[in-house]
Amino acid sequence: MTFEDDVIEKTVEKLLNGEDYRDEVINSINAVFFDFTIDFFKNIVDAKMNDKQIDLKWYSDYFINSGNYSPEEAAVYAGINKKTITNMYGTAAKETVIDVANNSFEYLSSLITELENDYMDGLAITIKISYKNVTVDLSLAESLLVINALATKKIQIRGGAWSSIGKKVEKPLIDKLCDRTGVPEKNRNNKHFIKDKAKAFDREVDYRLYSSEGKEYRVEVKLMGKGNPESADATIARDSDIFVADTLSEQNCNQLAERGVKYLILKNNKNSIEEFAKIMDELNIPRNKDAICID
């Protein structure tokens, strides 16, 4: 099992137990960030030991313009995220990303020089990195560039983790709910599904369940904060019949009930399995009524 698989499994279990899953996401963010940081430090040692320049050009040559890293990675080393570049310039083309990364590096370098001259009299920051009996010292300017790159990477990882964890948990979560309430495999479908393939704007649904009569019920999953308006809007966009959420406001619940949408709230709910089973019974979706598994 990979680390990501382990995070997904633990997240699903916490959701089903009514617990807050966010610490699993935070643990994942920190693990990925520390892996990046260690590799970054190793690469800094290699770059410094193989370049005799005493200015910052070694950094831009090795981390931005060497071709050793993807444009996305080069942008991070220059203190800017590729997504930000795309939003600013409307493109993620390699040439654009590298050009913007170089401009960002030049700006940071000049800013750091100004700070050193005007505000940092007497201040010394030195990062010492040792790897395989080789030690390099980073100057104040170099240290600030490295710190800024690490901060940029942490923001990138954090943004990606929160947006992706929900998508990766959706299907395993409903799979587990169906397993624990005894819904047969033939009455469920977790494959990619589009409501109407003829409509390019139509959106994906997370899951499908089928009643004893073969009627299809569309299932939507959202892990979002309480009162997020996207929750109720998602059921409209995807024409969902069942809505499973981490939290829902009273207004959200009223909106869903008014539309005839069955919903299940997971947070602080120790009875989510039984409540999901009740929804299955109300929609005449077959299940083994002796199969409910709480643990």
Foldseek 3Di string as FASTA:
>chain_A
DDLLVVLLVVLLVCLLQQHDSVVSLVVVLVVVLVVVLVVVLVVVLVLVVPDDDPDCVSQCCRQQPVPPDQLQRNLLLLQHGLVVQCVVPVDSDSVSSSVVSVVSNVVLLVVVVCCVVPPQVPNWDWDWGDDPNGIDIDGPSRVVSSVSSSVSVSVVSSVVSVVCSQVVNLLVNVVVLCQQQAQDPVFKDQDWDFPDPVDPQQDTFGIWGAAPVGDIFTEHEEEDDEPDPVQLVVCVSHVGQEYEYQYYYPVSVVSCVVVNHHYAHRHPDLCRSVSVSVVCVVRRRDGDNVRRDSD
